[in-house]
Amino acid sequence: MKDKTTVDQHAYILVVEDNVDLSRMLAQLLERASYQVVLAADGQTALTQAKQHHPDLILMDLSLPDIDGWEAVTLLRKMPEFRDTPIMAVTAHVSAADQARALAVGCTVHVGKPFKTRSLLQTIEQLLKNGANGHAS
């Protein structure tokens, strides 16, 4: 079992984002922070990549082609191996209702676009320390 008192800087992060430029930017940002990154551009690929790589954390856009992020999170949470995996909604859906819905389907935390990179990295670090049941603020 992983020691949750320190952050595993070699943690796998699955980035699910259909905007190619943003996906590349997130991958570069996370790789510079020493995380290992796996990419998916739609919900179906996200499910496949999650099963293959068992990420320590998932960054999930909610507006995706194929299976959208809302449904992908719901499906992931039904799988025992992903019940406790932190899932961060990184989305342009920023209303209070959207945030409540994201948390209701199983996201651990909701981050609106545009985001501050420093804040995003701090939230990721906190989630990796605390797991899905921890609170990142």
N, C-alpha and C. Protein backbone atom coordinates (compact mmCIF):
# COMPACT_ATOMS: atom_id res chain seq x y z
N MET A 1 0.85 -1.18 0.00
CA MET A 1 0.00 0.00 0.00
C MET A 1 0.89 1.24 0.00
N LYS A 2 0.45 2.25 -0.75
CA LYS A 2 1.26 3.46 -0.86
C LYS A 2 1.21 4.29 0.40
N ASP A 3 2.33 4.90 0.74
CA ASP A 3 2.41 5.80 1.87
C ASP A 3 1.80 7.13 1.45
N LYS A 4 0.70 7.54 2.09
CA LYS A 4 -0.02 8.75 1.70
C LYS A 4 0.52 10.01 2.38
N THR A 5 1.58 9.88 3.18
CA THR A 5 2.12 11.08 3.83
C THR A 5 2.99 11.88 2.89
N THR A 6 3.46 11.27 1.83
CA THR A 6 4.24 11.99 0.83
C THR A 6 3.63 11.75 -0.54
N VAL A 7 3.86 12.69 -1.43
CA VAL A 7 3.32 12.56 -2.77
C VAL A 7 4.28 11.77 -3.63
N ASP A 8 3.74 10.79 -4.33
CA ASP A 8 4.52 10.01 -5.27
C ASP A 8 4.69 10.83 -6.54
N GLN A 9 5.87 11.42 -6.71
CA GLN A 9 6.12 12.28 -7.87
C GLN A 9 6.21 11.47 -9.15
N HIS A 10 6.11 10.15 -9.06
CA HIS A 10 6.10 9.33 -10.25
C HIS A 10 4.72 8.74 -10.48
N ALA A 11 3.74 9.36 -9.86
CA ALA A 11 2.37 8.89 -9.99
C ALA A 11 1.90 8.99 -11.44
N TYR A 12 1.03 8.06 -11.81
CA TYR A 12 0.42 8.09 -13.14
C TYR A 12 -0.82 8.98 -13.08
N ILE A 13 -0.91 9.90 -14.02
CA ILE A 13 -2.09 10.75 -14.13
C ILE A 13 -2.67 10.58 -15.52
N LEU A 14 -3.94 10.23 -15.56
CA LEU A 14 -4.66 10.13 -16.82
C LEU A 14 -5.32 11.48 -17.09
N VAL A 15 -4.95 12.10 -18.21
CA VAL A 15 -5.52 13.38 -18.61
C VAL A 15 -6.53 13.09 -19.73
N VAL A 16 -7.79 13.40 -19.44
CA VAL A 16 -8.86 13.18 -20.42
C VAL A 16 -9.33 14.55 -20.90
N GLU A 17 -8.92 14.89 -22.11
CA GLU A 17 -9.18 16.23 -22.65
C GLU A 17 -9.21 16.13 -24.17
N ASP A 18 -10.28 16.65 -24.79
CA ASP A 18 -10.39 16.55 -26.25
C ASP A 18 -9.76 17.73 -26.97
N ASN A 19 -9.43 18.80 -26.27
CA ASN A 19 -8.73 19.92 -26.89
C ASN A 19 -7.24 19.57 -26.95
N VAL A 20 -6.73 19.37 -28.16
CA VAL A 20 -5.36 18.89 -28.34
C VAL A 20 -4.34 19.83 -27.71
N ASP A 21 -4.50 21.13 -27.89
CA ASP A 21 -3.55 22.09 -27.33
C ASP A 21 -3.54 22.05 -25.80
N LEU A 22 -4.73 22.01 -25.20
CA LEU A 22 -4.80 21.96 -23.74
C LEU A 22 -4.27 20.63 -23.22
N SER A 23 -4.56 19.56 -23.92
CA SER A 23 -4.06 18.25 -23.53
C SER A 23 -2.53 18.23 -23.52
N ARG A 24 -1.93 18.78 -24.57
CA ARG A 24 -0.46 18.84 -24.64
C ARG A 24 0.10 19.72 -23.53
N MET A 25 -0.55 20.87 -23.28
CA MET A 25 -0.09 21.77 -22.22
C MET A 25 -0.14 21.08 -20.86
N LEU A 26 -1.24 20.40 -20.58
CA LEU A 26 -1.36 19.68 -19.31
C LEU A 26 -0.32 18.58 -19.20
N ALA A 27 -0.10 17.84 -20.27
CA ALA A 27 0.91 16.78 -20.25
C ALA A 27 2.29 17.35 -19.96
N GLN A 28 2.65 18.45 -20.61
CA GLN A 28 3.96 19.07 -20.37
C GLN A 28 4.08 19.57 -18.94
N LEU A 29 3.04 20.21 -18.45
CA LEU A 29 3.04 20.73 -17.08
C LEU A 29 3.24 19.60 -16.08
N LEU A 30 2.50 18.52 -16.25
CA LEU A 30 2.59 17.40 -15.32
C LEU A 30 3.90 16.65 -15.43
N GLU A 31 4.40 16.49 -16.64
CA GLU A 31 5.68 15.81 -16.83
C GLU A 31 6.82 16.63 -16.22
N ARG A 32 6.75 17.96 -16.32
CA ARG A 32 7.76 18.82 -15.67
C ARG A 32 7.72 18.67 -14.16
N ALA A 33 6.55 18.34 -13.64
CA ALA A 33 6.39 18.11 -12.20
C ALA A 33 6.71 16.66 -11.83
N SER A 34 7.26 15.91 -12.78
CA SER A 34 7.72 14.53 -12.60
C SER A 34 6.61 13.49 -12.50
N TYR A 35 5.42 13.83 -12.97
CA TYR A 35 4.36 12.84 -13.04
C TYR A 35 4.45 12.11 -14.37
N GLN A 36 3.97 10.88 -14.40
CA GLN A 36 3.85 10.13 -15.64
C GLN A 36 2.43 10.36 -16.17
N VAL A 37 2.32 10.66 -17.45
CA VAL A 37 1.05 11.09 -18.01
C VAL A 37 0.59 10.13 -19.10
N VAL A 38 -0.69 9.82 -19.06
CA VAL A 38 -1.36 9.06 -20.09
C VAL A 38 -2.50 9.95 -20.58
N LEU A 39 -2.70 10.00 -21.91
CA LEU A 39 -3.70 10.89 -22.49
C LEU A 39 -4.87 10.12 -23.09
N ALA A 40 -6.04 10.75 -23.04
CA ALA A 40 -7.23 10.24 -23.71
C ALA A 40 -8.01 11.45 -24.21
N ALA A 41 -8.58 11.35 -25.41
CA ALA A 41 -9.30 12.47 -26.01
C ALA A 41 -10.82 12.29 -25.97
N ASP A 42 -11.29 11.16 -25.47
CA ASP A 42 -12.73 10.94 -25.36
C ASP A 42 -12.99 9.96 -24.21
N GLY A 43 -14.27 9.84 -23.88
CA GLY A 43 -14.63 9.01 -22.74
C GLY A 43 -14.33 7.53 -22.91
N GLN A 44 -14.55 7.00 -24.10
CA GLN A 44 -14.28 5.58 -24.33
C GLN A 44 -12.79 5.29 -24.18
N THR A 45 -11.95 6.14 -24.75
CA THR A 45 -10.50 5.97 -24.62
C THR A 45 -10.07 6.13 -23.17
N ALA A 46 -10.73 7.03 -22.45
CA ALA A 46 -10.42 7.21 -21.03
C ALA A 46 -10.65 5.93 -20.25
N LEU A 47 -11.76 5.26 -20.52
CA LEU A 47 -12.05 4.00 -19.82
C LEU A 47 -11.01 2.94 -20.16
N THR A 48 -10.64 2.86 -21.43
CA THR A 48 -9.63 1.89 -21.86
C THR A 48 -8.27 2.19 -21.21
N GLN A 49 -7.87 3.46 -21.25
CA GLN A 49 -6.57 3.85 -20.68
C GLN A 49 -6.56 3.64 -19.16
N ALA A 50 -7.67 3.93 -18.51
CA ALA A 50 -7.73 3.73 -17.06
C ALA A 50 -7.55 2.26 -16.71
N LYS A 51 -8.24 1.38 -17.44
CA LYS A 51 -8.12 -0.06 -17.18
C LYS A 51 -6.71 -0.56 -17.46
N GLN A 52 -6.08 -0.01 -18.48
CA GLN A 52 -4.73 -0.45 -18.86
C GLN A 52 -3.65 0.07 -17.93
N HIS A 53 -3.76 1.33 -17.51
CA HIS A 53 -2.67 1.98 -16.76
C HIS A 53 -2.93 2.15 -15.26
N HIS A 54 -4.16 1.96 -14.81
CA HIS A 54 -4.51 2.13 -13.39
C HIS A 54 -3.91 3.42 -12.82
N PRO A 55 -4.34 4.58 -13.32
CA PRO A 55 -3.76 5.85 -12.88
C PRO A 55 -4.01 6.12 -11.40
N ASP A 56 -3.11 6.90 -10.82
CA ASP A 56 -3.25 7.30 -9.43
C ASP A 56 -4.22 8.47 -9.29
N LEU A 57 -4.46 9.18 -10.40
CA LEU A 57 -5.36 10.33 -10.42
C LEU A 57 -5.82 10.53 -11.86
N ILE A 58 -7.06 11.02 -12.00
CA ILE A 58 -7.61 11.28 -13.33
C ILE A 58 -8.06 12.73 -13.40
N LEU A 59 -7.60 13.44 -14.44
CA LEU A 59 -8.10 14.78 -14.77
C LEU A 59 -9.12 14.58 -15.87
N MET A 60 -10.37 14.96 -15.64
CA MET A 60 -11.46 14.63 -16.56
C MET A 60 -12.17 15.88 -17.04
N ASP A 61 -12.07 16.14 -18.35
CA ASP A 61 -12.93 17.14 -18.97
C ASP A 61 -14.32 16.52 -18.99
N LEU A 62 -15.36 17.35 -18.89
CA LEU A 62 -16.70 16.79 -18.86
C LEU A 62 -17.39 16.83 -20.22
N SER A 63 -16.96 17.73 -21.10
CA SER A 63 -17.51 17.80 -22.46
C SER A 63 -16.57 17.06 -23.40
N LEU A 64 -16.95 15.85 -23.72
CA LEU A 64 -16.11 14.99 -24.55
C LEU A 64 -16.94 14.35 -25.65
N PRO A 65 -16.29 14.03 -26.77
CA PRO A 65 -17.00 13.25 -27.79
C PRO A 65 -17.16 11.81 -27.32
N ASP A 66 -18.03 11.08 -27.98
CA ASP A 66 -18.26 9.68 -27.66
C ASP A 66 -18.96 9.60 -26.31
N ILE A 67 -18.34 9.06 -25.33
CA ILE A 67 -18.88 9.04 -23.96
C ILE A 67 -18.40 10.32 -23.29
N ASP A 68 -19.33 11.15 -22.79
CA ASP A 68 -18.88 12.40 -22.16
C ASP A 68 -18.27 12.13 -20.78
N GLY A 69 -17.66 13.14 -20.21
CA GLY A 69 -16.98 12.99 -18.93
C GLY A 69 -17.90 12.62 -17.79
N TRP A 70 -19.13 13.15 -17.82
CA TRP A 70 -20.09 12.81 -16.76
C TRP A 70 -20.31 11.29 -16.72
N GLU A 71 -20.56 10.71 -17.90
CA GLU A 71 -20.82 9.28 -17.99
C GLU A 71 -19.55 8.47 -17.71
N ALA A 72 -18.41 8.95 -18.19
CA ALA A 72 -17.14 8.24 -17.96
C ALA A 72 -16.86 8.13 -16.46
N VAL A 73 -17.08 9.22 -15.73
CA VAL A 73 -16.86 9.19 -14.27
C VAL A 73 -17.83 8.20 -13.62
N THR A 74 -19.09 8.25 -14.03
CA THR A 74 -20.08 7.32 -13.49
C THR A 74 -19.66 5.87 -13.72
N LEU A 75 -19.20 5.58 -14.93
CA LEU A 75 -18.77 4.21 -15.26
C LEU A 75 -17.52 3.81 -14.48
N LEU A 76 -16.57 4.73 -14.35
CA LEU A 76 -15.35 4.44 -13.58
C LEU A 76 -15.69 4.13 -12.12
N ARG A 77 -16.58 4.90 -11.53
CA ARG A 77 -16.92 4.71 -10.12
C ARG A 77 -17.63 3.39 -9.87
N LYS A 78 -18.22 2.79 -10.91
CA LYS A 78 -18.87 1.49 -10.76
C LYS A 78 -17.86 0.34 -10.73
N MET A 79 -16.62 0.62 -11.15
CA MET A 79 -15.57 -0.40 -11.17
C MET A 79 -14.83 -0.38 -9.82
N PRO A 80 -14.74 -1.52 -9.16
CA PRO A 80 -14.10 -1.54 -7.83
C PRO A 80 -12.70 -0.92 -7.81
N GLU A 81 -11.92 -1.12 -8.87
CA GLU A 81 -10.54 -0.61 -8.88
C GLU A 81 -10.45 0.91 -8.98
N PHE A 82 -11.56 1.57 -9.29
CA PHE A 82 -11.53 3.04 -9.42
C PHE A 82 -12.43 3.75 -8.41
N ARG A 83 -12.97 3.01 -7.46
CA ARG A 83 -13.85 3.63 -6.46
C ARG A 83 -13.13 4.69 -5.65
N ASP A 84 -11.84 4.49 -5.38
CA ASP A 84 -11.10 5.42 -4.54
C ASP A 84 -10.09 6.27 -5.31
N THR A 85 -10.07 6.15 -6.63
CA THR A 85 -9.13 6.94 -7.43
C THR A 85 -9.61 8.38 -7.47
N PRO A 86 -8.78 9.34 -7.09
CA PRO A 86 -9.21 10.74 -7.19
C PRO A 86 -9.48 11.12 -8.64
N ILE A 87 -10.62 11.76 -8.87
CA ILE A 87 -10.99 12.24 -10.20
C ILE A 87 -11.26 13.74 -10.09
N MET A 88 -10.48 14.50 -10.82
CA MET A 88 -10.60 15.95 -10.82
C MET A 88 -11.30 16.39 -12.10
N ALA A 89 -12.49 16.96 -11.96
CA ALA A 89 -13.16 17.54 -13.12
C ALA A 89 -12.44 18.84 -13.47
N VAL A 90 -11.92 18.92 -14.68
CA VAL A 90 -11.28 20.15 -15.17
C VAL A 90 -12.13 20.56 -16.37
N THR A 91 -12.97 21.58 -16.17
CA THR A 91 -14.05 21.80 -17.12
C THR A 91 -14.47 23.25 -17.25
N ALA A 92 -15.08 23.55 -18.38
CA ALA A 92 -15.68 24.87 -18.60
C ALA A 92 -17.07 24.93 -17.99
N HIS A 93 -17.60 23.81 -17.52
CA HIS A 93 -18.89 23.78 -16.83
C HIS A 93 -18.66 24.26 -15.40
N VAL A 94 -18.88 25.55 -15.17
CA VAL A 94 -18.46 26.16 -13.91
C VAL A 94 -19.61 26.67 -13.03
N SER A 95 -20.84 26.44 -13.43
CA SER A 95 -21.95 26.90 -12.60
C SER A 95 -22.00 26.07 -11.31
N ALA A 96 -22.71 26.59 -10.34
CA ALA A 96 -22.88 25.84 -9.08
C ALA A 96 -23.58 24.51 -9.34
N ALA A 97 -24.55 24.50 -10.26
CA ALA A 97 -25.25 23.26 -10.59
C ALA A 97 -24.30 22.25 -11.25
N ASP A 98 -23.42 22.75 -12.15
CA ASP A 98 -22.45 21.87 -12.80
C ASP A 98 -21.49 21.29 -11.77
N GLN A 99 -21.04 22.13 -10.85
CA GLN A 99 -20.12 21.65 -9.81
C GLN A 99 -20.80 20.58 -8.96
N ALA A 100 -22.03 20.83 -8.56
CA ALA A 100 -22.76 19.86 -7.74
C ALA A 100 -22.96 18.55 -8.50
N ARG A 101 -23.28 18.66 -9.79
CA ARG A 101 -23.47 17.45 -10.61
C ARG A 101 -22.17 16.67 -10.74
N ALA A 102 -21.06 17.38 -10.96
CA ALA A 102 -19.75 16.71 -11.09
C ALA A 102 -19.43 15.93 -9.82
N LEU A 103 -19.65 16.54 -8.68
CA LEU A 103 -19.39 15.86 -7.41
C LEU A 103 -20.37 14.70 -7.21
N ALA A 104 -21.62 14.88 -7.64
CA ALA A 104 -22.63 13.84 -7.47
C ALA A 104 -22.33 12.60 -8.31
N VAL A 105 -21.76 12.77 -9.50
CA VAL A 105 -21.45 11.59 -10.33
C VAL A 105 -20.17 10.91 -9.89
N GLY A 106 -19.38 11.55 -9.01
CA GLY A 106 -18.20 10.88 -8.48
C GLY A 106 -16.89 11.61 -8.58
N CYS A 107 -16.91 12.84 -9.10
CA CYS A 107 -15.65 13.60 -9.12
C CYS A 107 -15.28 13.96 -7.68
N THR A 108 -14.01 13.95 -7.42
CA THR A 108 -13.50 14.26 -6.08
C THR A 108 -13.48 15.76 -5.87
N VAL A 109 -13.14 16.48 -6.93
CA VAL A 109 -13.03 17.94 -6.86
C VAL A 109 -13.34 18.49 -8.24
N HIS A 110 -13.76 19.74 -8.29
CA HIS A 110 -14.16 20.42 -9.52
C HIS A 110 -13.26 21.63 -9.70
N VAL A 111 -12.60 21.74 -10.87
CA VAL A 111 -11.74 22.88 -11.18
C VAL A 111 -12.26 23.49 -12.49
N GLY A 112 -12.57 24.77 -12.45
CA GLY A 112 -13.08 25.43 -13.65
C GLY A 112 -11.97 25.90 -14.57
N LYS A 113 -12.30 25.93 -15.85
CA LYS A 113 -11.40 26.50 -16.86
C LYS A 113 -11.82 27.94 -17.07
N PRO A 114 -10.90 28.84 -17.23
CA PRO A 114 -9.45 28.62 -17.17
C PRO A 114 -9.01 28.45 -15.71
N PHE A 115 -7.88 27.80 -15.52
CA PHE A 115 -7.37 27.55 -14.18
C PHE A 115 -5.96 28.11 -14.06
N LYS A 116 -5.53 28.30 -12.84
CA LYS A 116 -4.15 28.73 -12.56
C LYS A 116 -3.31 27.46 -12.40
N THR A 117 -2.21 27.38 -13.14
CA THR A 117 -1.41 26.15 -13.13
C THR A 117 -0.89 25.82 -11.74
N ARG A 118 -0.46 26.83 -11.00
CA ARG A 118 0.06 26.57 -9.65
C ARG A 118 -1.02 25.96 -8.76
N SER A 119 -2.22 26.51 -8.84
CA SER A 119 -3.33 26.00 -8.05
C SER A 119 -3.70 24.58 -8.47
N LEU A 120 -3.69 24.32 -9.78
CA LEU A 120 -3.98 22.99 -10.28
C LEU A 120 -2.97 21.98 -9.74
N LEU A 121 -1.69 22.31 -9.80
CA LEU A 121 -0.65 21.41 -9.30
C LEU A 121 -0.78 21.18 -7.79
N GLN A 122 -1.14 22.23 -7.05
CA GLN A 122 -1.31 22.07 -5.61
C GLN A 122 -2.50 21.16 -5.30
N THR A 123 -3.56 21.29 -6.07
CA THR A 123 -4.73 20.44 -5.87
C THR A 123 -4.39 18.98 -6.19
N ILE A 124 -3.66 18.78 -7.27
CA ILE A 124 -3.22 17.42 -7.63
C ILE A 124 -2.38 16.82 -6.51
N GLU A 125 -1.44 17.58 -6.02
CA GLU A 125 -0.58 17.10 -4.93
C GLU A 125 -1.42 16.72 -3.71
N GLN A 126 -2.38 17.56 -3.36
CA GLN A 126 -3.23 17.29 -2.20
C GLN A 126 -4.07 16.04 -2.41
N LEU A 127 -4.62 15.89 -3.61
CA LEU A 127 -5.42 14.70 -3.91
C LEU A 127 -4.58 13.43 -3.83
N LEU A 128 -3.38 13.48 -4.34
CA LEU A 128 -2.51 12.31 -4.29
C LEU A 128 -2.11 11.97 -2.85
N LYS A 129 -2.01 12.96 -2.00
CA LYS A 129 -1.72 12.71 -0.59
C LYS A 129 -2.91 12.08 0.12
N ASN A 130 -4.11 12.59 -0.20
CA ASN A 130 -5.32 12.21 0.55
C ASN A 130 -6.15 11.13 -0.10
N GLY A 131 -5.97 10.87 -1.37
CA GLY A 131 -6.82 9.90 -2.07
C GLY A 131 -8.18 10.51 -2.35
N ALA A 132 -9.07 9.72 -2.89
CA ALA A 132 -10.39 10.22 -3.32
C ALA A 132 -11.24 10.73 -2.17
N ASN A 133 -11.00 10.21 -0.98
CA ASN A 133 -11.84 10.62 0.14
C ASN A 133 -11.32 11.85 0.85
N GLY A 134 -10.13 12.33 0.43
CA GLY A 134 -9.58 13.54 1.03
C GLY A 134 -10.20 14.76 0.41
N HIS A 135 -10.01 15.88 1.04
CA HIS A 135 -10.57 17.13 0.54
C HIS A 135 -9.44 18.04 0.12
N ALA A 136 -9.47 18.48 -1.10
CA ALA A 136 -8.51 19.47 -1.62
C ALA A 136 -9.24 20.78 -1.70
N SER A 137 -8.64 21.80 -1.18
CA SER A 137 -9.30 23.10 -1.23
C SER A 137 -8.39 24.16 -1.77
